[in-house]
Amino acid sequence: MTTRAALPVRARPLARLRDPAWYQEYGVYVAVAAVLLFNALFTEHFLTAGNLRTQLVQVAPVVIVALGMALVIGTEGVDLSVGSTMALATALLPLYLGYGLLPALAVALLAGAVVGAVNGTLVSVVGLQPIVATLALFVGGRGLALVMADGRLKQIVNPDLLSLGTGSFLGIPLVVLIAAVLAVAVTLLVRRTTFGRQIVAVGGNRSAAVLAGLPVRRVLIGVYVICGVLAALAGILATARLTASDPSSLGTLMELSAITAVVVGGTPLDGGSVRVLGTVAGALLMQLLRATLVKHDLPDSTAQIAQAAIIIAAVYVARERRSR
């Protein structure tokens, strides 16, 4: 005989499927699994080691940029300048490679830190809206990069730099390994450090964070600096993989790819939470979806429409969760 108390327990799984919080928490992982299952059944040679390696190499720069973007969005901000920061990094590399690889890398990463510091200062000290503050460097940063490069593509022949884009360690491409290590580092930063807890607190309620005595300005500047450095690193790795410095195209629309990965991964645009693993899964989902459509001879415009639909669904789920 079935008791009344047993009915809610049996209905609980179905209730979870109707809960927006469940989709925001696990939806991206289900979507990745669904895309992989579809390709296993209907796409020839998709799940081969070589193809999966290619997909991971291609998505690695997006993951690196998206990790920094997730921290910024966690503070209820956004950074539209990450693509231009990548362009600045790639423009600076040929100018300083003559002094050695390490000085060139240091200058490129420092440029990313400077861009982030400027963005963070405009947001936290001047009081500009993040979209306005970072839009200035979105436009001006790439222009500066083109001036530095004389508007020309420059071939990269330094073998040490090129090894970053084409080398591997224990069979794992270096770019993938770097992205994985950074994902772990950002996860530890968010979950295990005071700075990570401050990021969540500032994004959840900035006024309350100020009243609680938290270093809000320092936190905001810090997350934008981290985002800028990660964007510069992604530009370095992309340059090494392409064997050329091309500030006119490198990083184009990267800001949109990074924001998409973060939002689809479950990090709310209104801050207060940072989902690192979800961000990685979101970037992977967008890459696999694009590759799947290409494998089935569908135009790139179809991939863009599909990505737009996923973004709308992710934002809708997040809004529904907040309204409950």
Foldseek 3Di string as FASTA:
>chain_A
DDDPVVVCVVCVVVVLVVALVNCLQCVLVVLLVVLVVCCVVPFPPCPPPVNVLVLLLVLLLLLLLLLLQLLLLQLLAAALQLLLLLLQLLLQQVVCCVVPDVVSLVVSLVSLLVLLLQLLCCCQPVNDGSVVSNVVNNPVSLVVSCVSNVVDKFFADPPVLLCLQVPADPPHRNSSVVSVVVLVVSVCVLPPDPLNVLSLVSLVPVVVCVVVVHPNSVSSSVSSSSSSSSSSVSSSNVCSNVRMNRSVPGSVCSSVLSVLLFLLLNQASSHNDGDSVSSVSSSSSLSSLQVVCVSVVHDSVVSVVVSVVSNVVSNVSVVVNVVD
